[in-house]
Protein backbone atom coordinates (compact mmCIF):
# COMPACT_ATOMS: atom_id res chain seq x y z
CA UNK A 1 -50.91 24.27 20.07
CA UNK A 2 -50.28 25.19 17.04
CA UNK A 3 -52.52 24.52 14.73
CA UNK A 4 -52.83 21.31 11.83
CA UNK A 5 -52.18 23.77 8.87
CA UNK A 6 -48.86 25.23 10.40
CA UNK A 7 -47.18 21.94 9.81
CA UNK A 8 -47.13 22.07 5.81
CA UNK A 9 -45.71 25.93 6.12
CA UNK A 10 -43.15 25.08 8.31
CA UNK A 11 -41.85 22.24 6.07
CA UNK A 12 -41.96 25.09 2.72
CA UNK A 13 -39.94 27.08 5.05
CA UNK A 14 -37.44 24.47 5.71
CA UNK A 15 -37.43 23.56 1.81
CA UNK A 16 -36.93 27.49 1.11
CA UNK A 17 -33.75 27.76 3.63
CA UNK A 18 -32.56 24.61 2.05
CA UNK A 19 -32.59 25.90 -1.28
CA UNK A 20 -31.32 28.95 -0.75
CA UNK A 21 -28.23 27.35 0.83
CA UNK A 22 -27.45 25.12 -2.27
CA UNK A 23 -27.55 28.84 -4.07
CA UNK A 24 -25.64 30.82 -2.04
CA UNK A 25 -22.72 27.94 -0.75
CA UNK A 26 -20.19 27.53 -3.30
CA UNK A 27 -19.85 23.98 -4.98
CA UNK A 28 -16.66 22.23 -3.49
CA UNK A 29 -16.08 19.15 -4.42
CA UNK A 30 -17.67 15.33 -3.91
CA UNK A 31 -16.09 11.79 -3.83
CA UNK A 32 -16.65 8.50 -2.51
CA UNK A 33 -18.58 9.17 0.84
CA UNK A 34 -17.69 12.59 0.94
CA UNK A 35 -14.05 11.32 0.40
CA UNK A 36 -11.30 12.98 -1.54
CA UNK A 37 -9.40 9.21 -1.79
CA UNK A 38 -9.50 6.13 -0.23
CA UNK A 39 -6.28 3.74 -0.58
CA UNK A 40 -5.24 0.64 1.03
CA UNK A 41 -1.72 -1.31 0.79
CA UNK A 42 -0.63 -4.42 1.69
CA UNK A 43 2.83 -6.40 2.95
CA UNK A 44 2.94 -10.43 2.11
CA UNK A 45 5.74 -12.84 1.44
CA UNK A 46 5.87 -14.68 -1.67
CA UNK A 47 7.72 -17.92 -1.11
CA UNK A 48 9.01 -21.01 -2.92
CA UNK A 49 11.16 -23.72 -2.96
CA UNK A 50 14.41 -23.79 -4.47
CA UNK A 51 16.80 -26.30 -5.68
CA UNK A 52 20.28 -26.26 -5.52
CA UNK A 53 23.25 -28.65 -5.44
CA UNK A 54 20.79 -31.54 -4.66
CA UNK A 55 19.57 -29.07 -1.39
CA UNK A 56 15.87 -27.95 -1.13
CA UNK A 57 15.50 -24.88 0.61
CA UNK A 58 12.63 -21.99 0.79
CA UNK A 59 13.33 -18.59 -0.08
CA UNK A 60 10.73 -15.50 0.38
CA UNK A 61 10.69 -12.13 -0.87
CA UNK A 62 8.66 -9.19 0.14
CA UNK A 63 6.03 -8.01 -2.18
CA UNK A 64 4.07 -4.76 -1.29
CA UNK A 65 0.97 -2.88 -3.22
CA UNK A 66 -2.57 -2.05 -3.04
CA UNK A 67 -4.81 0.25 -4.63
CA UNK A 68 -6.27 3.80 -4.60
CA UNK A 69 -9.53 5.66 -5.56
CA UNK A 70 -9.68 9.36 -6.34
CA UNK A 71 -13.06 11.10 -6.78
CA UNK A 72 -13.37 14.63 -7.29
CA UNK A 73 -16.12 17.26 -8.56
CA UNK A 74 -14.74 20.97 -9.05
CA UNK A 75 -16.75 23.86 -10.80
CA UNK A 76 -15.71 27.34 -11.33
CA UNK A 77 -17.27 28.32 -8.01
CA UNK A 78 -15.57 25.94 -6.10
CA UNK A 79 -13.32 27.72 -3.51
CA UNK A 80 -10.06 27.83 -4.31
CA UNK A 81 -10.60 27.49 -8.15
CA UNK A 82 -9.76 30.04 -10.70
CA UNK A 83 -9.92 30.45 -14.63
CA UNK A 84 -13.42 29.05 -17.07
CA UNK A 85 -14.15 25.25 -17.58
CA UNK A 86 -15.69 24.63 -21.21
CA UNK A 87 -16.41 21.45 -22.90
CA UNK A 88 -13.75 22.28 -25.61
CA UNK A 89 -10.95 21.93 -22.41
CA UNK A 90 -11.31 17.98 -22.86
CA UNK A 91 -12.08 18.55 -27.18
CA UNK A 92 -8.80 19.99 -27.78
CA UNK A 93 -5.46 17.40 -28.00
CA UNK A 94 -3.32 20.45 -26.78
CA UNK A 95 -4.87 20.89 -23.71
CA UNK A 96 -2.69 20.26 -21.03
CA UNK A 97 -4.17 18.43 -17.97
CA UNK A 98 -2.06 17.85 -14.54
CA UNK A 99 -2.78 16.45 -10.87
CA UNK A 100 -0.95 16.36 -8.35
CA UNK A 101 -1.88 14.48 -4.33
CA UNK A 102 1.26 14.04 -2.28
CA UNK A 103 2.08 14.50 1.69
CA UNK A 104 3.43 17.65 2.34
CA UNK A 105 4.90 15.94 5.68
CA UNK A 106 6.22 12.64 3.87
CA UNK A 107 4.00 10.85 6.52
CA UNK A 108 5.21 7.74 8.79
CA UNK A 109 8.79 7.02 10.09
CA UNK A 110 11.42 7.66 7.28
CA UNK A 111 13.23 4.89 9.65
CA UNK A 112 10.55 2.40 8.56
CA UNK A 113 10.66 2.62 5.01
CA UNK A 114 14.00 1.19 3.54
CA UNK A 115 12.52 1.29 -0.08
CA UNK A 116 9.96 2.42 -2.86
CA UNK A 117 8.67 -0.28 -5.01
CA UNK A 118 6.54 1.24 -6.94
CA UNK A 119 7.03 3.75 -9.86
CA UNK A 120 9.68 6.58 -8.90
CA UNK A 121 9.11 9.75 -11.62
CA UNK A 122 6.24 11.10 -13.84
CA UNK A 123 6.49 11.40 -17.50
CA UNK A 124 4.04 13.24 -20.14
CA UNK A 125 1.10 10.91 -20.39
CA UNK A 126 1.95 8.53 -17.79
CA UNK A 127 1.49 7.75 -13.97
CA UNK A 128 3.83 8.30 -11.33
CA UNK A 129 5.54 10.13 -8.58
CA UNK A 130 7.01 13.38 -7.39
CA UNK A 131 9.33 11.76 -4.71
CA UNK A 132 6.10 10.14 -3.43
CA UNK A 133 2.66 10.54 -3.67
CA UNK A 134 0.37 10.66 -7.17
CA UNK A 135 0.79 12.70 -10.00
CA UNK A 136 -0.14 13.09 -13.60
CA UNK A 137 1.34 15.11 -16.57
CA UNK A 138 -0.25 15.09 -20.09
CA UNK A 139 -2.08 16.55 -22.74
CA UNK A 140 -6.46 15.86 -24.13
CA UNK A 141 -4.58 13.89 -26.64
CA UNK A 142 -3.18 10.90 -24.68
CA UNK A 143 -7.25 10.78 -23.85
CA UNK A 144 -9.93 8.75 -25.77
CA UNK A 145 -12.47 11.21 -26.32
CA UNK A 146 -16.68 11.16 -26.21
CA UNK A 147 -19.15 13.64 -26.38
CA UNK A 148 -22.98 12.81 -26.26
CA UNK A 149 -26.13 15.12 -25.28
CA UNK A 150 -23.91 18.09 -23.62
CA UNK A 151 -21.57 15.52 -21.70
CA UNK A 152 -17.79 15.11 -22.80
CA UNK A 153 -15.70 12.37 -21.60
CA UNK A 154 -12.33 11.96 -21.62
CA UNK A 155 -10.55 8.05 -20.45
CA UNK A 156 -7.02 7.54 -20.44
CA UNK A 157 -5.55 4.05 -19.05
CA UNK A 158 -1.90 2.77 -18.37
CA UNK A 159 -0.80 -0.62 -18.57
CA UNK A 160 2.42 -2.33 -17.96
CA UNK A 161 3.56 -6.16 -18.31
CA UNK A 162 2.72 -8.66 -15.27
CA UNK A 163 4.42 -12.02 -14.95
CA UNK A 164 4.11 -14.56 -12.27
CA UNK A 165 6.89 -15.23 -9.69
CA UNK A 166 8.89 -17.21 -12.21
CA UNK A 167 8.68 -14.53 -14.82
CA UNK A 168 6.67 -16.44 -16.83
CA UNK A 169 2.78 -15.97 -18.29
CA UNK A 170 3.28 -12.26 -19.02
CA UNK A 171 0.46 -10.78 -19.92
CA UNK A 172 -0.42 -6.84 -20.41
CA UNK A 173 -1.79 -5.05 -17.10
CA UNK A 174 -3.93 -2.08 -16.83
CA UNK A 175 -3.24 -0.57 -13.75
CA UNK A 176 -4.46 3.02 -13.94
CA UNK A 177 -7.45 4.11 -15.17
CA UNK A 178 -8.34 8.09 -15.63
CA UNK A 179 -11.23 9.49 -16.74
CA UNK A 180 -12.47 13.15 -17.19
CA UNK A 181 -16.04 14.18 -17.56
CA UNK A 182 -17.51 17.78 -18.15
CA UNK A 183 -21.15 17.48 -16.78
CA UNK A 184 -24.12 19.30 -18.38
CA UNK A 185 -24.05 21.18 -15.25
CA UNK A 186 -20.66 22.99 -15.95
CA UNK A 187 -18.89 20.94 -13.36
CA UNK A 188 -15.38 18.74 -14.06
CA UNK A 189 -15.32 15.26 -12.22
CA UNK A 190 -12.09 13.46 -11.97
CA UNK A 191 -11.90 9.83 -11.17
CA UNK A 192 -8.75 7.95 -11.12
CA UNK A 193 -8.43 4.29 -9.77
CA UNK A 194 -5.14 2.51 -9.74
CA UNK A 195 -3.10 -1.07 -8.69
CA UNK A 196 0.03 0.19 -6.68
CA UNK A 197 2.84 -1.13 -5.50
CA UNK A 198 4.62 -4.53 -7.66
CA UNK A 199 4.32 -7.92 -7.82
CA UNK A 200 6.30 -11.01 -6.90
CA UNK A 201 8.22 -10.63 -10.30
CA UNK A 202 9.06 -6.77 -9.47
CA UNK A 203 6.58 -5.54 -12.06
CA UNK A 204 5.54 -2.03 -10.60
CA UNK A 205 2.41 -0.66 -11.10
CA UNK A 206 1.45 2.74 -10.00
CA UNK A 207 2.54 5.05 -7.12
CA UNK A 208 0.98 4.64 -3.54
CA UNK A 209 -0.37 8.39 -2.60
CA UNK A 210 0.28 8.04 1.00
CA UNK A 211 -0.53 4.58 2.80
CA UNK A 212 3.18 3.40 1.52
CA UNK A 213 4.89 6.56 3.78
CA UNK A 214 3.50 4.43 6.73
CA UNK A 215 4.89 1.12 5.61
CA UNK A 216 6.65 -0.49 8.63
CA UNK A 217 5.05 2.14 11.32
CA UNK A 218 3.67 0.88 14.30
CA UNK A 219 0.46 -0.15 14.61
CA UNK A 220 -1.79 2.64 15.16
CA UNK A 221 -3.47 5.56 14.03
CA UNK A 222 -1.99 8.44 12.15
CA UNK A 223 -2.58 11.58 10.60
CA UNK A 224 -1.33 13.26 7.50
CA UNK A 225 -1.57 16.58 5.61
CA UNK A 226 -1.16 16.51 1.87
CA UNK A 227 -1.59 18.62 -1.20
CA UNK A 228 -3.79 18.18 -4.04
CA UNK A 229 -3.38 20.79 -7.36
CA UNK A 230 -5.30 20.75 -10.55
CA UNK A 231 -4.54 22.15 -13.87
CA UNK A 232 -6.62 21.80 -16.93
CA UNK A 233 -5.71 24.35 -19.68
CA UNK A 234 -6.74 27.65 -18.18
CA UNK A 235 -8.92 26.42 -15.20
CA UNK A 236 -6.72 25.90 -11.82
CA UNK A 237 -7.61 24.54 -8.72
CA UNK A 238 -5.65 25.36 -5.59
CA UNK A 239 -2.31 27.67 -6.42
CA UNK A 240 -2.17 28.79 -2.99
CA UNK A 241 -3.63 26.05 -0.40
CA UNK A 242 -0.21 23.73 -0.12
CA UNK A 243 -2.01 21.85 2.57
CA UNK A 244 -5.91 21.28 1.89
CA UNK A 245 -6.11 17.59 2.16
CA UNK A 246 -6.11 15.65 5.53
CA UNK A 247 -5.87 12.08 5.92
CA UNK A 248 -6.73 9.36 8.36
CA UNK A 249 -4.04 6.49 7.98
CA UNK A 250 -5.06 3.19 10.23
CA UNK A 251 -1.89 1.23 10.54
CA UNK A 252 -1.38 -2.84 11.47
CA UNK A 253 1.92 -4.07 11.60
CA UNK A 254 3.22 -7.49 12.62
CA UNK A 255 6.38 -9.60 12.96
CA UNK A 256 6.98 -12.54 11.43
CA UNK A 257 9.78 -15.10 11.55
CA UNK A 258 12.18 -14.33 14.30
CA UNK A 259 16.06 -13.71 14.55
CA UNK A 260 17.93 -12.70 11.42
CA UNK A 261 14.89 -13.62 8.84
CA UNK A 262 12.38 -11.42 10.82
CA UNK A 263 9.90 -9.09 8.63
CA UNK A 264 7.70 -6.52 9.85
CA UNK A 265 4.37 -6.83 7.60
CA UNK A 266 2.06 -4.09 7.36
CA UNK A 267 -1.69 -3.66 6.28
CA UNK A 268 -2.49 -0.21 5.77
CA UNK A 269 -5.76 1.83 4.91
CA UNK A 270 -6.24 5.94 4.19
CA UNK A 271 -8.64 7.92 3.80
CA UNK A 272 -8.04 11.34 2.66
CA UNK A 273 -11.19 14.57 2.57
CA UNK A 274 -10.26 17.75 1.25
CA UNK A 275 -11.00 20.90 3.36
CA UNK A 276 -12.92 23.66 2.50
């Protein structure tokens, strides 16, 4: 039987091995509970009563949208990363920043997706899509920069007009927030939160990352593969691997009404994980 004093020795050995693994293994990324992104997308009917020629009838429009959250931490030692990270990348207005997260397969059934309801293209300093998926392309001049005790944070928000179904009560609505942080440890943290799809008035917001690709598909669990690319000045991540993200997509689709007025409404959630 081992003596009692051997237990603390064993614990010290375990701690030593763990610390060596931290030193030897490159830091890859981190996110929400180990996920690169989470996303939701939901269809619903927006109905109103309309009176025309003395007749009152009910009219409905399908409205779709949701939200997503991207969280990642990259370092110079991240597998797939090249170049050098420094605070000056965020503090120099001319530094270009570009991020793309898009399905490599198109996801879902194309027959089930009759139209896109969200933004269709990306421009400098704005959110959008590359056919489908999410992208941003701008420079640090688009961001607000804050420096404090060795930590640099760059923030950028994108807004649009949002009105009610009758096109009234319009207000400015922020549908996308991007935060880049250069940490004291020398890492680049990326956080992007967005509202996607459109509202009953037809005001459009950010593009869905992947969930919209499965809108109208039958209920079930679907796999998908996506591509993540990040470029910040001379620092680049993933110039070679075009399928470095795997996603699990949960779809629940139900039919409403009958005959010619039948519609399929989907409730979708997607979780994406960056592969080593």
